[in-house]
Amino acid sequence: MVLYNTGARAQEVADLKVEDVDLDGPLRVRLHGKGDKWRSCPLWPETAELLKRLTADVRGNQSFPLFVSRQREPLTRFGIYKIVKRHISALSPTTPDKMRRSVSPHVFRHSTAVGLPEKGVDVNVIRAWLGHVSLETTNRYVEITLKTKQAAVEACLPPTGASEPPHPTKA
């Protein structure tokens, strides 16, 4: 949930401490990203509720890692990758194996980056959300969604050279 909600990199999630998450309002997480830069991302109420349950027994220790292994050691980005892979392997057997293999923590970041412009979020907000220094990096995601929309429009075009014109429909 945190990966998808925030679009964070796996390392940013691995580095989170209890003190980096505000669960009483406003709901948000502070991420330490590339270039030693910090940014805040809003949390959905559902994500905050899950994090409250996760941190219930360590709330007094603010410097405690937010995500820990079974041995109570801080999760690494490799540990996060393994957790994602474990959950992906549990998908329905009807899901193609190739699709299951291609899901990684970065797919959640990419999905967030592509989904935000589709919801009409301004590109500068997305840049700050994802921690991009350059607007050009963020614009790639906007371009992807425009290409996807264009491909959908082209797929719906009537065939050319049809023997008779399509009948107009009443709206």
N, C-alpha and C. Protein backbone atom coordinates (compact mmCIF):
# COMPACT_ATOMS: atom_id res chain seq x y z
N MET A 1 0.83 -1.20 0.00
CA MET A 1 0.00 0.00 0.00
C MET A 1 0.87 1.26 0.00
N VAL A 2 1.92 1.25 0.81
CA VAL A 2 2.77 2.43 0.89
C VAL A 2 3.48 2.67 -0.44
N LEU A 3 3.95 1.61 -1.07
CA LEU A 3 4.62 1.77 -2.37
C LEU A 3 3.69 2.42 -3.39
N TYR A 4 2.48 1.92 -3.50
CA TYR A 4 1.55 2.45 -4.50
C TYR A 4 1.00 3.81 -4.10
N ASN A 5 0.65 3.97 -2.83
CA ASN A 5 0.10 5.23 -2.35
C ASN A 5 1.06 6.40 -2.56
N THR A 6 2.34 6.17 -2.33
CA THR A 6 3.31 7.26 -2.37
C THR A 6 4.13 7.32 -3.65
N GLY A 7 4.20 6.22 -4.38
CA GLY A 7 5.09 6.17 -5.54
C GLY A 7 6.55 6.19 -5.13
N ALA A 8 6.83 5.79 -3.90
CA ALA A 8 8.19 5.84 -3.37
C ALA A 8 9.07 4.75 -3.99
N ARG A 9 10.34 5.04 -4.02
CA ARG A 9 11.33 4.02 -4.41
C ARG A 9 11.44 3.01 -3.26
N ALA A 10 11.83 1.79 -3.59
CA ALA A 10 11.96 0.75 -2.57
C ALA A 10 12.92 1.16 -1.46
N GLN A 11 14.03 1.80 -1.82
CA GLN A 11 14.99 2.24 -0.82
C GLN A 11 14.39 3.29 0.10
N GLU A 12 13.57 4.18 -0.44
CA GLU A 12 12.93 5.21 0.38
C GLU A 12 12.00 4.57 1.41
N VAL A 13 11.29 3.53 1.02
CA VAL A 13 10.40 2.83 1.94
C VAL A 13 11.22 2.07 2.98
N ALA A 14 12.29 1.44 2.54
CA ALA A 14 13.15 0.70 3.47
C ALA A 14 13.74 1.62 4.54
N ASP A 15 14.01 2.85 4.20
CA ASP A 15 14.63 3.80 5.13
C ASP A 15 13.64 4.45 6.09
N LEU A 16 12.34 4.23 5.92
CA LEU A 16 11.34 4.90 6.75
C LEU A 16 11.45 4.50 8.22
N LYS A 17 11.26 5.49 9.06
CA LYS A 17 11.20 5.28 10.51
C LYS A 17 9.78 5.65 10.96
N VAL A 18 9.39 5.21 12.13
CA VAL A 18 8.07 5.51 12.67
C VAL A 18 7.84 7.01 12.69
N GLU A 19 8.87 7.78 13.02
CA GLU A 19 8.75 9.23 13.11
C GLU A 19 8.49 9.91 11.76
N ASP A 20 8.71 9.19 10.67
CA ASP A 20 8.52 9.77 9.33
C ASP A 20 7.07 9.73 8.86
N VAL A 21 6.20 9.14 9.67
CA VAL A 21 4.81 8.96 9.26
C VAL A 21 3.89 9.68 10.24
N ASP A 22 3.02 10.54 9.71
CA ASP A 22 2.00 11.21 10.52
C ASP A 22 0.69 10.47 10.29
N LEU A 23 0.21 9.81 11.36
CA LEU A 23 -0.98 8.97 11.22
C LEU A 23 -2.20 9.54 11.93
N ASP A 24 -2.05 10.71 12.54
CA ASP A 24 -3.17 11.33 13.23
C ASP A 24 -3.72 12.54 12.48
N GLY A 25 -3.05 12.96 11.46
CA GLY A 25 -3.52 14.08 10.64
C GLY A 25 -2.56 15.23 10.69
N PRO A 26 -2.33 15.88 9.58
CA PRO A 26 -2.70 15.36 8.27
C PRO A 26 -1.94 14.07 7.96
N LEU A 27 -2.61 13.14 7.31
CA LEU A 27 -2.01 11.84 7.01
C LEU A 27 -0.96 12.01 5.93
N ARG A 28 0.29 11.72 6.29
CA ARG A 28 1.38 11.89 5.33
C ARG A 28 2.61 11.11 5.75
N VAL A 29 3.51 10.97 4.81
CA VAL A 29 4.79 10.32 5.05
C VAL A 29 5.88 11.22 4.50
N ARG A 30 6.99 11.32 5.23
CA ARG A 30 8.14 12.09 4.78
C ARG A 30 9.18 11.10 4.26
N LEU A 31 9.53 11.26 2.99
CA LEU A 31 10.46 10.34 2.33
C LEU A 31 11.80 11.01 2.11
N HIS A 32 12.85 10.26 2.36
CA HIS A 32 14.21 10.74 2.14
C HIS A 32 14.68 10.13 0.83
N GLY A 33 14.79 10.96 -0.21
CA GLY A 33 15.06 10.46 -1.55
C GLY A 33 16.46 10.73 -2.05
N LYS A 34 16.57 10.58 -3.35
CA LYS A 34 17.85 10.81 -4.02
C LYS A 34 18.32 12.24 -3.77
N GLY A 35 19.62 12.41 -3.79
CA GLY A 35 20.19 13.75 -3.62
C GLY A 35 20.00 14.29 -2.22
N ASP A 36 19.77 13.41 -1.24
CA ASP A 36 19.59 13.81 0.15
C ASP A 36 18.44 14.80 0.31
N LYS A 37 17.39 14.63 -0.52
CA LYS A 37 16.24 15.54 -0.46
C LYS A 37 15.07 14.84 0.24
N TRP A 38 14.31 15.63 0.99
CA TRP A 38 13.13 15.14 1.69
C TRP A 38 11.89 15.64 0.97
N ARG A 39 10.83 14.84 0.99
CA ARG A 39 9.55 15.27 0.45
C ARG A 39 8.43 14.62 1.25
N SER A 40 7.27 15.24 1.21
CA SER A 40 6.10 14.68 1.89
C SER A 40 5.10 14.20 0.87
N CYS A 41 4.47 13.09 1.16
CA CYS A 41 3.41 12.55 0.31
C CYS A 41 2.19 12.28 1.18
N PRO A 42 1.02 12.59 0.67
CA PRO A 42 -0.20 12.30 1.44
C PRO A 42 -0.44 10.79 1.52
N LEU A 43 -1.12 10.38 2.56
CA LEU A 43 -1.49 8.97 2.71
C LEU A 43 -3.00 8.84 2.64
N TRP A 44 -3.45 7.78 2.01
CA TRP A 44 -4.87 7.47 2.02
C TRP A 44 -5.24 7.02 3.43
N PRO A 45 -6.48 7.25 3.85
CA PRO A 45 -6.91 6.77 5.17
C PRO A 45 -6.69 5.26 5.34
N GLU A 46 -6.89 4.49 4.28
CA GLU A 46 -6.70 3.04 4.35
C GLU A 46 -5.23 2.69 4.65
N THR A 47 -4.32 3.41 4.00
CA THR A 47 -2.89 3.18 4.23
C THR A 47 -2.53 3.56 5.66
N ALA A 48 -3.04 4.70 6.12
CA ALA A 48 -2.75 5.15 7.48
C ALA A 48 -3.27 4.14 8.51
N GLU A 49 -4.44 3.58 8.25
CA GLU A 49 -5.00 2.60 9.18
C GLU A 49 -4.13 1.35 9.27
N LEU A 50 -3.65 0.89 8.14
CA LEU A 50 -2.75 -0.27 8.13
C LEU A 50 -1.45 0.04 8.87
N LEU A 51 -0.93 1.25 8.67
CA LEU A 51 0.31 1.63 9.34
C LEU A 51 0.11 1.80 10.85
N LYS A 52 -1.07 2.25 11.26
CA LYS A 52 -1.36 2.35 12.70
C LYS A 52 -1.30 0.97 13.34
N ARG A 53 -1.89 -0.01 12.67
CA ARG A 53 -1.87 -1.38 13.21
C ARG A 53 -0.44 -1.93 13.22
N LEU A 54 0.32 -1.59 12.19
CA LEU A 54 1.69 -2.09 12.08
C LEU A 54 2.59 -1.52 13.17
N THR A 55 2.34 -0.27 13.54
CA THR A 55 3.22 0.42 14.49
C THR A 55 2.65 0.48 15.91
N ALA A 56 1.56 -0.18 16.16
CA ALA A 56 0.89 -0.08 17.46
C ALA A 56 1.82 -0.39 18.63
N ASP A 57 2.69 -1.37 18.48
CA ASP A 57 3.55 -1.77 19.60
C ASP A 57 4.87 -1.01 19.67
N VAL A 58 5.16 -0.15 18.70
CA VAL A 58 6.44 0.59 18.72
C VAL A 58 6.23 2.10 18.66
N ARG A 59 5.01 2.56 18.86
CA ARG A 59 4.71 3.98 18.74
C ARG A 59 5.58 4.85 19.65
N GLY A 60 5.98 4.34 20.79
CA GLY A 60 6.81 5.12 21.71
C GLY A 60 8.24 5.30 21.21
N ASN A 61 8.69 4.42 20.34
CA ASN A 61 10.05 4.47 19.83
C ASN A 61 10.03 5.04 18.41
N GLN A 62 10.08 6.35 18.30
CA GLN A 62 9.93 7.03 17.02
C GLN A 62 11.05 6.75 16.04
N SER A 63 12.23 6.36 16.53
CA SER A 63 13.35 6.11 15.62
C SER A 63 13.38 4.65 15.14
N PHE A 64 12.37 3.87 15.53
CA PHE A 64 12.30 2.47 15.12
C PHE A 64 11.96 2.39 13.63
N PRO A 65 12.55 1.44 12.90
CA PRO A 65 12.21 1.30 11.48
C PRO A 65 10.72 1.00 11.30
N LEU A 66 10.12 1.59 10.29
CA LEU A 66 8.70 1.37 10.04
C LEU A 66 8.44 -0.06 9.58
N PHE A 67 9.30 -0.58 8.73
CA PHE A 67 9.13 -1.93 8.21
C PHE A 67 10.31 -2.80 8.66
N VAL A 68 9.98 -3.90 9.32
CA VAL A 68 11.01 -4.80 9.83
C VAL A 68 10.75 -6.22 9.36
N SER A 69 11.81 -7.01 9.39
CA SER A 69 11.71 -8.42 9.03
C SER A 69 11.15 -9.21 10.21
N ARG A 70 11.01 -10.52 10.01
CA ARG A 70 10.54 -11.39 11.11
C ARG A 70 11.52 -11.36 12.28
N GLN A 71 12.78 -11.08 11.99
CA GLN A 71 13.80 -11.02 13.04
C GLN A 71 13.88 -9.64 13.69
N ARG A 72 12.93 -8.77 13.31
CA ARG A 72 12.85 -7.39 13.84
C ARG A 72 14.02 -6.53 13.38
N GLU A 73 14.61 -6.90 12.25
CA GLU A 73 15.67 -6.10 11.63
C GLU A 73 15.02 -5.21 10.57
N PRO A 74 15.60 -4.03 10.31
CA PRO A 74 15.03 -3.17 9.27
C PRO A 74 15.01 -3.88 7.92
N LEU A 75 13.89 -3.74 7.21
CA LEU A 75 13.82 -4.30 5.87
C LEU A 75 14.76 -3.54 4.95
N THR A 76 15.35 -4.25 4.03
CA THR A 76 16.16 -3.62 2.99
C THR A 76 15.32 -3.53 1.72
N ARG A 77 15.85 -2.87 0.71
CA ARG A 77 15.10 -2.82 -0.55
C ARG A 77 15.01 -4.21 -1.16
N PHE A 78 15.98 -5.05 -0.87
CA PHE A 78 15.94 -6.43 -1.36
C PHE A 78 14.85 -7.22 -0.64
N GLY A 79 14.68 -6.95 0.65
CA GLY A 79 13.61 -7.58 1.41
C GLY A 79 12.25 -7.17 0.89
N ILE A 80 12.10 -5.89 0.54
CA ILE A 80 10.84 -5.40 -0.02
C ILE A 80 10.58 -6.08 -1.36
N TYR A 81 11.62 -6.23 -2.15
CA TYR A 81 11.50 -6.91 -3.44
C TYR A 81 11.02 -8.35 -3.24
N LYS A 82 11.58 -9.04 -2.26
CA LYS A 82 11.20 -10.42 -1.99
C LYS A 82 9.73 -10.51 -1.53
N ILE A 83 9.29 -9.56 -0.73
CA ILE A 83 7.90 -9.55 -0.27
C ILE A 83 6.96 -9.35 -1.46
N VAL A 84 7.29 -8.41 -2.32
CA VAL A 84 6.46 -8.18 -3.52
C VAL A 84 6.41 -9.45 -4.35
N LYS A 85 7.55 -10.07 -4.58
CA LYS A 85 7.60 -11.31 -5.38
C LYS A 85 6.77 -12.42 -4.74
N ARG A 86 6.82 -12.53 -3.41
CA ARG A 86 6.05 -13.56 -2.72
C ARG A 86 4.55 -13.35 -2.94
N HIS A 87 4.12 -12.10 -2.84
CA HIS A 87 2.69 -11.82 -3.02
C HIS A 87 2.27 -11.98 -4.48
N ILE A 88 3.15 -11.64 -5.39
CA ILE A 88 2.85 -11.79 -6.81
C ILE A 88 2.74 -13.27 -7.17
N SER A 89 3.59 -14.10 -6.60
CA SER A 89 3.54 -15.53 -6.92
C SER A 89 2.25 -16.17 -6.42
N ALA A 90 1.59 -15.52 -5.47
CA ALA A 90 0.33 -16.03 -4.94
C ALA A 90 -0.87 -15.64 -5.82
N LEU A 91 -0.62 -14.89 -6.89
CA LEU A 91 -1.72 -14.52 -7.79
C LEU A 91 -2.35 -15.75 -8.41
N SER A 92 -3.52 -15.55 -8.93
CA SER A 92 -4.26 -16.63 -9.57
C SER A 92 -3.42 -17.36 -10.60
N PRO A 93 -3.56 -18.69 -10.66
CA PRO A 93 -2.80 -19.44 -11.67
C PRO A 93 -3.17 -19.03 -13.10
N THR A 94 -4.31 -18.37 -13.27
CA THR A 94 -4.69 -17.94 -14.62
C THR A 94 -3.92 -16.70 -15.06
N THR A 95 -3.23 -16.03 -14.12
CA THR A 95 -2.39 -14.89 -14.47
C THR A 95 -1.15 -15.42 -15.18
N PRO A 96 -0.86 -14.90 -16.37
CA PRO A 96 0.33 -15.40 -17.09
C PRO A 96 1.60 -15.26 -16.25
N ASP A 97 2.43 -16.28 -16.31
CA ASP A 97 3.68 -16.30 -15.54
C ASP A 97 4.56 -15.11 -15.89
N LYS A 98 4.59 -14.73 -17.17
CA LYS A 98 5.41 -13.59 -17.59
C LYS A 98 4.98 -12.32 -16.86
N MET A 99 3.67 -12.15 -16.71
CA MET A 99 3.15 -10.96 -16.03
C MET A 99 3.57 -10.97 -14.56
N ARG A 100 3.52 -12.14 -13.94
CA ARG A 100 3.91 -12.23 -12.52
C ARG A 100 5.39 -11.92 -12.34
N ARG A 101 6.23 -12.38 -13.25
CA ARG A 101 7.67 -12.15 -13.14
C ARG A 101 8.03 -10.67 -13.30
N SER A 102 7.22 -9.93 -14.04
CA SER A 102 7.59 -8.55 -14.36
C SER A 102 7.18 -7.55 -13.28
N VAL A 103 6.50 -7.97 -12.23
CA VAL A 103 6.08 -7.05 -11.17
C VAL A 103 7.19 -6.95 -10.13
N SER A 104 7.60 -5.71 -9.88
CA SER A 104 8.63 -5.42 -8.89
C SER A 104 8.18 -4.20 -8.10
N PRO A 105 8.89 -3.82 -7.04
CA PRO A 105 8.50 -2.60 -6.32
C PRO A 105 8.44 -1.37 -7.22
N HIS A 106 9.29 -1.32 -8.24
CA HIS A 106 9.28 -0.14 -9.11
C HIS A 106 8.01 -0.04 -9.94
N VAL A 107 7.35 -1.16 -10.17
CA VAL A 107 6.08 -1.15 -10.91
C VAL A 107 5.04 -0.32 -10.16
N PHE A 108 5.07 -0.37 -8.83
CA PHE A 108 4.13 0.44 -8.04
C PHE A 108 4.41 1.93 -8.25
N ARG A 109 5.69 2.29 -8.27
CA ARG A 109 6.07 3.69 -8.50
C ARG A 109 5.61 4.13 -9.88
N HIS A 110 5.85 3.29 -10.87
CA HIS A 110 5.46 3.60 -12.23
C HIS A 110 3.93 3.73 -12.34
N SER A 111 3.21 2.84 -11.69
CA SER A 111 1.74 2.89 -11.73
C SER A 111 1.22 4.18 -11.11
N THR A 112 1.82 4.60 -10.03
CA THR A 112 1.44 5.87 -9.41
C THR A 112 1.73 7.03 -10.37
N ALA A 113 2.91 7.00 -10.96
CA ALA A 113 3.32 8.09 -11.86
C ALA A 113 2.43 8.18 -13.08
N VAL A 114 1.95 7.07 -13.59
CA VAL A 114 1.07 7.08 -14.75
C VAL A 114 -0.36 7.41 -14.34
N GLY A 115 -0.76 6.96 -13.16
CA GLY A 115 -2.13 7.19 -12.71
C GLY A 115 -2.43 8.62 -12.33
N LEU A 116 -1.46 9.33 -11.77
CA LEU A 116 -1.71 10.71 -11.34
C LEU A 116 -2.10 11.64 -12.50
N PRO A 117 -1.39 11.62 -13.63
CA PRO A 117 -1.82 12.50 -14.72
C PRO A 117 -3.19 12.09 -15.28
N GLU A 118 -3.50 10.81 -15.24
CA GLU A 118 -4.81 10.36 -15.72
C GLU A 118 -5.93 10.89 -14.84
N LYS A 119 -5.62 11.18 -13.58
CA LYS A 119 -6.61 11.76 -12.67
C LYS A 119 -6.62 13.28 -12.73
N GLY A 120 -5.79 13.84 -13.60
CA GLY A 120 -5.77 15.30 -13.77
C GLY A 120 -4.86 16.04 -12.83
N VAL A 121 -3.95 15.35 -12.16
CA VAL A 121 -3.02 16.00 -11.24
C VAL A 121 -1.98 16.76 -12.06
N ASP A 122 -1.71 17.99 -11.66
CA ASP A 122 -0.76 18.85 -12.35
C ASP A 122 0.63 18.22 -12.35
N VAL A 123 1.34 18.38 -13.45
CA VAL A 123 2.66 17.76 -13.63
C VAL A 123 3.67 18.24 -12.58
N ASN A 124 3.57 19.47 -12.11
CA ASN A 124 4.49 19.96 -11.08
C ASN A 124 4.22 19.29 -9.73
N VAL A 125 2.96 19.00 -9.46
CA VAL A 125 2.62 18.29 -8.23
C VAL A 125 3.17 16.86 -8.31
N ILE A 126 3.04 16.24 -9.47
CA ILE A 126 3.55 14.89 -9.66
C ILE A 126 5.07 14.87 -9.51
N ARG A 127 5.74 15.88 -10.06
CA ARG A 127 7.20 15.97 -9.94
C ARG A 127 7.61 15.99 -8.47
N ALA A 128 6.93 16.81 -7.68
CA ALA A 128 7.25 16.89 -6.25
C ALA A 128 6.88 15.60 -5.54
N TRP A 129 5.76 15.01 -5.91
CA TRP A 129 5.28 13.77 -5.30
C TRP A 129 6.31 12.65 -5.47
N LEU A 130 6.86 12.55 -6.68
CA LEU A 130 7.80 11.47 -6.98
C LEU A 130 9.25 11.82 -6.64
N GLY A 131 9.51 13.08 -6.33
CA GLY A 131 10.86 13.49 -5.98
C GLY A 131 11.76 13.67 -7.18
N HIS A 132 11.18 13.97 -8.33
CA HIS A 132 12.00 14.22 -9.52
C HIS A 132 12.60 15.62 -9.46
N VAL A 133 13.85 15.73 -9.80
CA VAL A 133 14.49 17.04 -9.87
C VAL A 133 14.07 17.72 -11.18
N SER A 134 14.07 16.95 -12.24
CA SER A 134 13.78 17.48 -13.56
C SER A 134 12.33 17.22 -13.96
N LEU A 135 11.70 18.24 -14.48
CA LEU A 135 10.34 18.10 -14.99
C LEU A 135 10.31 17.19 -16.21
N GLU A 136 11.44 17.10 -16.91
CA GLU A 136 11.52 16.21 -18.08
C GLU A 136 11.28 14.76 -17.69
N THR A 137 11.79 14.36 -16.54
CA THR A 137 11.59 12.98 -16.07
C THR A 137 10.10 12.73 -15.84
N THR A 138 9.44 13.66 -15.21
CA THR A 138 8.00 13.52 -14.94
C THR A 138 7.20 13.54 -16.24
N ASN A 139 7.62 14.36 -17.18
CA ASN A 139 6.88 14.47 -18.45
C ASN A 139 6.85 13.16 -19.22
N ARG A 140 7.82 12.28 -18.98
CA ARG A 140 7.79 10.96 -19.63
C ARG A 140 6.52 10.20 -19.27
N TYR A 141 6.12 10.30 -18.02
CA TYR A 141 4.92 9.59 -17.58
C TYR A 141 3.67 10.21 -18.19
N VAL A 142 3.65 11.52 -18.30
CA VAL A 142 2.51 12.19 -18.92
C VAL A 142 2.44 11.79 -20.39
N GLU A 143 3.59 11.73 -21.04
CA GLU A 143 3.65 11.33 -22.44
C GLU A 143 3.16 9.89 -22.61
N ILE A 144 3.51 9.03 -21.68
CA ILE A 144 3.06 7.64 -21.75
C ILE A 144 1.53 7.59 -21.74
N THR A 145 0.91 8.36 -20.86
CA THR A 145 -0.54 8.31 -20.79
C THR A 145 -1.17 8.90 -22.05
N LEU A 146 -0.56 9.94 -22.62
CA LEU A 146 -1.09 10.50 -23.86
C LEU A 146 -0.97 9.50 -25.01
N LYS A 147 0.17 8.79 -25.06
CA LYS A 147 0.34 7.77 -26.09
C LYS A 147 -0.68 6.65 -25.91
N THR A 148 -0.95 6.27 -24.68
CA THR A 148 -1.93 5.23 -24.41
C THR A 148 -3.31 5.67 -24.86
N LYS A 149 -3.66 6.91 -24.56
CA LYS A 149 -4.96 7.43 -24.98
C LYS A 149 -5.05 7.50 -26.50
N GLN A 150 -3.99 7.95 -27.15
CA GLN A 150 -3.98 8.04 -28.60
C GLN A 150 -4.14 6.65 -29.23
N ALA A 151 -3.46 5.66 -28.66
CA ALA A 151 -3.58 4.29 -29.17
C ALA A 151 -5.01 3.79 -29.02
N ALA A 152 -5.66 4.15 -27.91
CA ALA A 152 -7.05 3.73 -27.70
C ALA A 152 -7.97 4.39 -28.72
N VAL A 153 -7.73 5.67 -29.01
CA VAL A 153 -8.54 6.36 -30.01
C VAL A 153 -8.35 5.72 -31.37
N GLU A 154 -7.12 5.43 -31.73
CA GLU A 154 -6.85 4.81 -33.03
C GLU A 154 -7.46 3.43 -33.14
N ALA A 155 -7.52 2.70 -32.04
CA ALA A 155 -8.12 1.37 -32.06
C ALA A 155 -9.63 1.43 -32.29
N CYS A 156 -10.23 2.57 -31.96
CA CYS A 156 -11.68 2.71 -32.09
C CYS A 156 -12.11 3.39 -33.39
N LEU A 157 -11.16 3.79 -34.21
CA LEU A 157 -11.52 4.44 -35.47
C LEU A 157 -12.25 3.46 -36.38
N PRO A 158 -13.23 3.96 -37.15
CA PRO A 158 -13.91 3.07 -38.08
C PRO A 158 -12.95 2.64 -39.18
N PRO A 159 -13.17 1.47 -39.76
CA PRO A 159 -12.27 1.01 -40.82
C PRO A 159 -12.34 1.94 -42.03
N THR A 160 -11.21 2.13 -42.67
CA THR A 160 -11.18 2.98 -43.86
C THR A 160 -11.50 2.14 -45.08
N GLY A 161 -12.10 2.79 -46.08
CA GLY A 161 -12.41 2.10 -47.32
C GLY A 161 -13.63 1.18 -47.19
N ALA A 162 -14.46 1.43 -46.22
CA ALA A 162 -15.67 0.61 -46.07
C ALA A 162 -16.59 0.86 -47.25
N SER A 163 -17.34 -0.15 -47.66
CA SER A 163 -18.18 -0.03 -48.84
C SER A 163 -19.32 0.96 -48.63
N GLU A 164 -19.84 1.08 -47.43
CA GLU A 164 -20.86 2.08 -47.19
C GLU A 164 -20.54 2.82 -45.90
N PRO A 165 -20.91 4.09 -45.84
CA PRO A 165 -20.58 4.88 -44.65
C PRO A 165 -21.34 4.35 -43.43
N PRO A 166 -20.76 4.51 -42.25
CA PRO A 166 -21.46 4.06 -41.05
C PRO A 166 -22.74 4.85 -40.85
N HIS A 167 -23.75 4.17 -40.33
CA HIS A 167 -25.03 4.82 -40.07
C HIS A 167 -24.90 5.74 -38.86
N PRO A 168 -25.42 6.97 -38.99
CA PRO A 168 -25.37 7.86 -37.82
C PRO A 168 -26.28 7.31 -36.72
N THR A 169 -25.85 7.49 -35.51
CA THR A 169 -26.66 7.05 -34.37
C THR A 169 -27.21 8.25 -33.64
N LYS A 170 -28.31 8.06 -33.01
CA LYS A 170 -28.91 9.16 -32.22
C LYS A 170 -28.29 9.15 -30.84
N ALA A 171 -27.91 10.32 -30.39
CA ALA A 171 -27.28 10.41 -29.08
C ALA A 171 -28.29 10.55 -27.99
